[in-house]
N, C-alpha and C. Protein backbone atom coordinates (compact mmCIF):
# COMPACT_ATOMS: atom_id res chain seq x y z
N MET A 1 342.45 125.61 155.27
CA MET A 1 342.59 124.17 155.44
C MET A 1 341.34 123.58 156.10
N LYS A 2 340.75 124.28 157.07
CA LYS A 2 339.63 123.68 157.77
C LYS A 2 338.42 123.48 156.88
N ASP A 3 338.34 124.20 155.76
CA ASP A 3 337.22 124.03 154.84
C ASP A 3 337.23 122.66 154.17
N ASP A 4 338.38 122.02 154.15
CA ASP A 4 338.50 120.70 153.52
C ASP A 4 338.04 119.57 154.44
N LEU A 5 337.78 119.88 155.69
CA LEU A 5 337.44 118.85 156.67
C LEU A 5 335.94 118.86 156.97
N THR A 6 335.45 117.71 157.39
CA THR A 6 334.08 117.66 157.89
C THR A 6 334.07 118.31 159.27
N ALA A 7 332.90 118.61 159.77
CA ALA A 7 332.79 119.21 161.11
C ALA A 7 333.40 118.29 162.17
N LYS A 8 333.20 117.00 162.03
CA LYS A 8 333.73 116.04 163.00
C LYS A 8 335.25 115.95 162.91
N GLN A 9 335.79 115.98 161.70
CA GLN A 9 337.24 115.97 161.54
C GLN A 9 337.86 117.23 162.14
N GLU A 10 337.20 118.37 161.95
CA GLU A 10 337.69 119.62 162.52
C GLU A 10 337.66 119.57 164.05
N LYS A 11 336.58 119.04 164.60
CA LYS A 11 336.48 118.91 166.05
C LYS A 11 337.58 117.98 166.58
N PHE A 12 337.78 116.87 165.92
CA PHE A 12 338.85 115.93 166.30
C PHE A 12 340.20 116.65 166.29
N SER A 13 340.46 117.40 165.23
CA SER A 13 341.74 118.12 165.11
C SER A 13 341.92 119.12 166.24
N LYS A 14 340.87 119.86 166.54
CA LYS A 14 340.96 120.84 167.63
C LYS A 14 341.17 120.17 168.98
N LEU A 15 340.48 119.06 169.20
CA LEU A 15 340.67 118.33 170.46
C LEU A 15 342.09 117.79 170.55
N MET A 16 342.63 117.30 169.45
CA MET A 16 344.01 116.81 169.45
C MET A 16 344.99 117.93 169.79
N ALA A 17 344.75 119.11 169.26
CA ALA A 17 345.68 120.23 169.46
C ALA A 17 345.48 120.91 170.81
N TYR A 18 344.24 121.19 171.16
CA TYR A 18 343.95 122.00 172.35
C TYR A 18 343.59 121.20 173.59
N GLY A 19 343.15 119.97 173.40
CA GLY A 19 342.68 119.20 174.54
C GLY A 19 341.28 119.64 174.93
N LEU A 20 340.88 119.28 176.13
CA LEU A 20 339.54 119.60 176.62
C LEU A 20 339.65 119.97 178.09
N ASP A 21 339.11 121.10 178.46
CA ASP A 21 339.15 121.59 179.85
C ASP A 21 340.58 121.64 180.38
N GLY A 22 341.50 122.06 179.51
CA GLY A 22 342.89 122.21 179.91
C GLY A 22 343.68 120.91 179.99
N LYS A 23 343.11 119.82 179.56
CA LYS A 23 343.79 118.53 179.63
C LYS A 23 343.99 117.98 178.23
N GLN A 24 345.19 117.45 177.97
CA GLN A 24 345.45 116.76 176.71
C GLN A 24 344.66 115.45 176.71
N LEU A 25 344.17 115.08 175.56
CA LEU A 25 343.41 113.85 175.41
C LEU A 25 344.14 112.88 174.49
N SER A 26 343.87 111.61 174.69
CA SER A 26 344.39 110.61 173.76
C SER A 26 343.63 110.74 172.45
N ALA A 27 344.19 110.19 171.40
CA ALA A 27 343.51 110.21 170.10
C ALA A 27 342.15 109.50 170.20
N ALA A 28 342.11 108.42 170.96
CA ALA A 28 340.85 107.69 171.11
C ALA A 28 339.81 108.54 171.82
N ASP A 29 340.21 109.27 172.86
CA ASP A 29 339.27 110.15 173.56
C ASP A 29 338.79 111.28 172.66
N CYS A 30 339.70 111.82 171.85
CA CYS A 30 339.31 112.86 170.89
C CYS A 30 338.30 112.31 169.90
N TYR A 31 338.54 111.10 169.43
CA TYR A 31 337.64 110.47 168.47
C TYR A 31 336.26 110.25 169.10
N ARG A 32 336.26 109.70 170.33
CA ARG A 32 334.99 109.46 171.02
C ARG A 32 334.18 110.74 171.15
N ASN A 33 334.87 111.82 171.52
CA ASN A 33 334.20 113.10 171.72
C ASN A 33 333.70 113.68 170.40
N ALA A 34 334.55 113.70 169.39
CA ALA A 34 334.19 114.31 168.11
C ALA A 34 333.09 113.53 167.39
N TYR A 35 333.15 112.22 167.49
CA TYR A 35 332.20 111.39 166.75
C TYR A 35 331.07 110.86 167.63
N ASN A 36 331.06 111.28 168.90
CA ASN A 36 330.00 110.91 169.84
C ASN A 36 329.71 109.41 169.78
N THR A 37 330.76 108.64 169.99
CA THR A 37 330.63 107.19 169.90
C THR A 37 331.07 106.54 171.20
N SER A 38 330.51 105.39 171.45
CA SER A 38 330.91 104.60 172.62
C SER A 38 331.21 103.18 172.17
N GLY A 39 331.85 103.06 171.01
CA GLY A 39 332.17 101.75 170.45
C GLY A 39 333.23 101.02 171.28
N LYS A 40 333.56 99.83 170.84
CA LYS A 40 334.60 99.05 171.51
C LYS A 40 335.90 99.83 171.53
N PRO A 41 336.65 99.75 172.62
CA PRO A 41 337.92 100.49 172.71
C PRO A 41 338.87 100.20 171.55
N GLU A 42 338.94 98.93 171.12
CA GLU A 42 339.85 98.58 170.03
C GLU A 42 339.42 99.26 168.72
N THR A 43 338.13 99.31 168.50
CA THR A 43 337.61 99.94 167.29
C THR A 43 337.86 101.44 167.31
N VAL A 44 337.59 102.06 168.45
CA VAL A 44 337.79 103.51 168.58
C VAL A 44 339.26 103.85 168.39
N GLN A 45 340.14 103.06 169.00
CA GLN A 45 341.58 103.32 168.84
C GLN A 45 342.02 103.20 167.39
N ARG A 46 341.52 102.18 166.71
CA ARG A 46 341.88 101.98 165.31
C ARG A 46 341.36 103.13 164.45
N GLN A 47 340.12 103.53 164.67
CA GLN A 47 339.53 104.63 163.90
C GLN A 47 340.27 105.94 164.17
N ALA A 48 340.63 106.18 165.43
CA ALA A 48 341.36 107.40 165.79
C ALA A 48 342.73 107.42 165.12
N HIS A 49 343.38 106.28 165.11
CA HIS A 49 344.70 106.17 164.48
C HIS A 49 344.59 106.45 162.98
N GLU A 50 343.60 105.88 162.35
CA GLU A 50 343.40 106.10 160.91
C GLU A 50 343.09 107.57 160.62
N LEU A 51 342.29 108.18 161.47
CA LEU A 51 341.93 109.58 161.27
C LEU A 51 343.16 110.48 161.42
N LYS A 52 344.00 110.18 162.41
CA LYS A 52 345.23 110.96 162.60
C LYS A 52 346.16 110.85 161.39
N LYS A 53 346.11 109.71 160.70
CA LYS A 53 346.97 109.50 159.52
C LYS A 53 346.41 110.16 158.27
N ASN A 54 345.14 110.56 158.29
CA ASN A 54 344.54 111.24 157.15
C ASN A 54 345.34 112.51 156.87
N PRO A 55 345.88 112.68 155.67
CA PRO A 55 346.74 113.83 155.39
C PRO A 55 346.11 115.19 155.69
N LYS A 56 344.83 115.34 155.41
CA LYS A 56 344.16 116.62 155.68
C LYS A 56 344.02 116.87 157.18
N VAL A 57 343.69 115.83 157.91
CA VAL A 57 343.53 115.95 159.36
C VAL A 57 344.90 116.21 160.01
N ALA A 58 345.91 115.46 159.58
CA ALA A 58 347.26 115.64 160.12
C ALA A 58 347.76 117.06 159.87
N ALA A 59 347.49 117.58 158.67
CA ALA A 59 347.91 118.95 158.34
C ALA A 59 347.18 119.96 159.21
N ARG A 60 345.90 119.74 159.47
CA ARG A 60 345.14 120.68 160.31
C ARG A 60 345.64 120.65 161.74
N ILE A 61 345.94 119.47 162.27
CA ILE A 61 346.47 119.37 163.63
C ILE A 61 347.80 120.12 163.70
N SER A 62 348.65 119.93 162.72
CA SER A 62 349.94 120.63 162.68
C SER A 62 349.73 122.13 162.62
N GLU A 63 348.77 122.57 161.83
CA GLU A 63 348.47 123.99 161.70
C GLU A 63 348.03 124.58 163.04
N LEU A 64 347.17 123.86 163.75
CA LEU A 64 346.69 124.33 165.05
C LEU A 64 347.82 124.34 166.08
N LEU A 65 348.67 123.31 166.06
CA LEU A 65 349.80 123.26 167.00
C LEU A 65 350.78 124.40 166.73
N ALA A 66 350.99 124.73 165.46
CA ALA A 66 351.87 125.85 165.12
C ALA A 66 351.29 127.15 165.63
N TYR A 67 349.97 127.30 165.54
CA TYR A 67 349.30 128.49 166.04
C TYR A 67 349.50 128.61 167.55
N ILE A 68 349.35 127.50 168.25
CA ILE A 68 349.56 127.48 169.70
C ILE A 68 351.00 127.85 170.02
N ASP A 69 351.93 127.28 169.27
CA ASP A 69 353.35 127.54 169.50
C ASP A 69 353.67 129.02 169.30
N ARG A 70 353.13 129.62 168.25
CA ARG A 70 353.36 131.05 168.00
C ARG A 70 352.81 131.88 169.15
N GLY A 71 351.64 131.52 169.64
CA GLY A 71 351.04 132.24 170.76
C GLY A 71 351.87 132.12 172.02
N ASN A 72 352.39 130.93 172.29
CA ASN A 72 353.22 130.73 173.47
C ASN A 72 354.53 131.50 173.36
N ARG A 73 355.10 131.53 172.15
CA ARG A 73 356.33 132.29 171.94
C ARG A 73 356.08 133.78 172.17
N ALA A 74 354.96 134.27 171.67
CA ALA A 74 354.63 135.68 171.84
C ALA A 74 354.45 136.01 173.32
N LYS A 75 353.79 135.14 174.07
CA LYS A 75 353.61 135.35 175.51
C LYS A 75 354.95 135.36 176.22
N ALA A 76 355.83 134.43 175.85
CA ALA A 76 357.14 134.35 176.47
C ALA A 76 357.94 135.61 176.20
N LEU A 77 357.91 136.10 174.97
CA LEU A 77 358.63 137.32 174.63
C LEU A 77 358.05 138.52 175.37
N SER A 78 356.75 138.57 175.49
CA SER A 78 356.09 139.65 176.21
C SER A 78 356.48 139.62 177.69
N SER A 79 356.50 138.43 178.27
CA SER A 79 356.88 138.30 179.68
C SER A 79 358.34 138.66 179.86
N GLN A 80 359.19 138.27 178.93
CA GLN A 80 360.60 138.58 179.00
C GLN A 80 360.82 140.09 178.94
N ALA A 81 360.05 140.77 178.12
CA ALA A 81 360.17 142.23 178.00
C ALA A 81 359.79 142.89 179.32
N LEU A 82 358.78 142.36 180.00
CA LEU A 82 358.38 142.94 181.28
C LEU A 82 359.46 142.75 182.35
N VAL A 83 360.14 141.62 182.30
CA VAL A 83 361.18 141.32 183.29
C VAL A 83 362.41 142.17 183.06
N THR A 84 362.74 142.45 181.82
CA THR A 84 363.98 143.20 181.52
C THR A 84 363.78 144.71 181.59
N GLU A 85 362.56 145.17 181.77
CA GLU A 85 362.34 146.62 181.84
C GLU A 85 362.69 147.17 183.21
């Protein structure tokens, strides 16, 4: 899926899913970071919203979130196994 995206769309998707420095970011902050822009807040918000609605970008964000979810489930199961031993 990531091959269908531009480098900036991929970066936006990763920032939406993973955040930055352990912090979740707004779509506008992800857009600012990925596209290295300092445009008007209204413009950035609108562009971020449109990018999130892009079917390829939305699918990539979902794919990354599913990957995170699987990893968290695996960690939880691993921790549970340690507690029950």
